[in-house]
Amino acid sequence: MKHRAMSAVVCLVGLTCLSAVSPAVAEDAPAATRQQAATFQVAPARAGRVLAGVHTAGRVVDAGDVVRYSWPGIYFEGRFRGTGVGIVLDDPDNDYDVQIDGKTVTTLVTPAPGTHWVRGLSKGRHSVRLVKRSESPWTTSEFGGLVAVPGGAILPRPAPRHRQIEFIGNSYTAGYGNTSTTRECTGEEVNRTTNADLGFAALTARKLGADYQINAFSGRGMVRNYGGGEPGTSYRTYYDRALLSVDGDVWKKPVTWRPQLVVVGLGINDFSTPLNPGEQWTLPEALVDDFRASYHGFLDTLRARYGPRTVIVVSATHVYGTTLLAETTEQIVRERNAQGDHRVRYWYYSDEGMEYTGCHWHPSLADHELISSRLDDVIDTLPLRW
């Protein structure tokens, strides 16, 4: 569901949404302090050449004065000197966390076009991190960079991290509805309760001190989407794009993006719902054959893009009522290994201990912590050259 903000709104963590002016400091500050400290304002502005002042590992299109993007979990990191910083955004569809010196100080809910200010900080140098929480394949987001407060300055951007991980997947990887307190959610509630930055992908990367991409698209499968929807398309239709809603868009991969690890989590949507009359596969066996051949083709694409040293983890998990995902992905990995590619590994994570209390029976925050912990154990066994 596409959501449009009707007015400029800033929502603070743990507080109500306020327009025009709202207080914010670190989210663990006392309530009275939060109500009296920093000021957030909205005013039109542009910040100049964006990528000169921030670091990002996400798939973005550099348009000079703005960068455009679509995938969930994209983050921008910068540094500044002064008592505040302005964040230039135009994205009335998505939610963002703003982190100052490692702590979330506010959540911008569907921010209107303009500069969103963080003020009332202590004098000196600070780090700022802006991260896109929600998922919005139907639209394109714009970030216009950072703006210094009077007397302050935007400092040189942080250096990229040597470690790089690319996460490829569906709603599980995107963190779909993971902060929800109920399984029953409207489309609007899914948008507001999805937080890719608290999903297993981001959790794992941060523990490893790695830059990362979360290239996840809910409801999409390797060859078949959830419920057989939008036939003729699949995750592979969109993988090469930076802007998901732009047909034919191709992300221009920078030479600096060469992940040592790629984690692929596709297939839940292919097998979690029964075949419908009129779909191109009349029998489950035909779907399995197509899935297997297409998965091999996708792995060939990753190998050609990232070279023979990158470790690729093919992941699978429990799917209610069927074992086809687990069995087929394990077979695919055995076949790759038999062909001499031993840097393709299989990872199955069970549903033991999982709550599935997120929207529509998706993993909860606790579940994402558990999945991340299990992935940590797998990563410890991999032949990575960090």
Foldseek 3Di string as FASTA:
>chain_A
DFDFDPAAWWFFVPDGIDPAWAFWDFPPDDPVCRRPAKIKGFDADWDFQAVQFWDWPEQWDGPGQKIKFFAAWTKIKFKKFDFKKKWFWDFQGFKKFKDKQRGTITIRHSGHGGIIMTGRHDGTMIMIMIGTFFHDLQDMIITRHMDDDVVMGTDGYDDADPAEEEEEEECLQQQFQQQDQAQADDPVSRRVRGGNCLFLVVVLQVVVVHRYYRHYHHQFALQAGAPRPPHPDGSVLQRQARRNNDHPHGGDDDPSDQHLEYEYEGDLRLPQDDDDPPDPDPDVVVSLVVSLVSVVVVVVVSCVVRHLRRAYEYEYEDHPPDCSRVVSSVVSQVVCVVVPRPSYHYYYDYCVPFDLRGHNSHGHSVRRVVVNVSVVVVVVPHPTDD
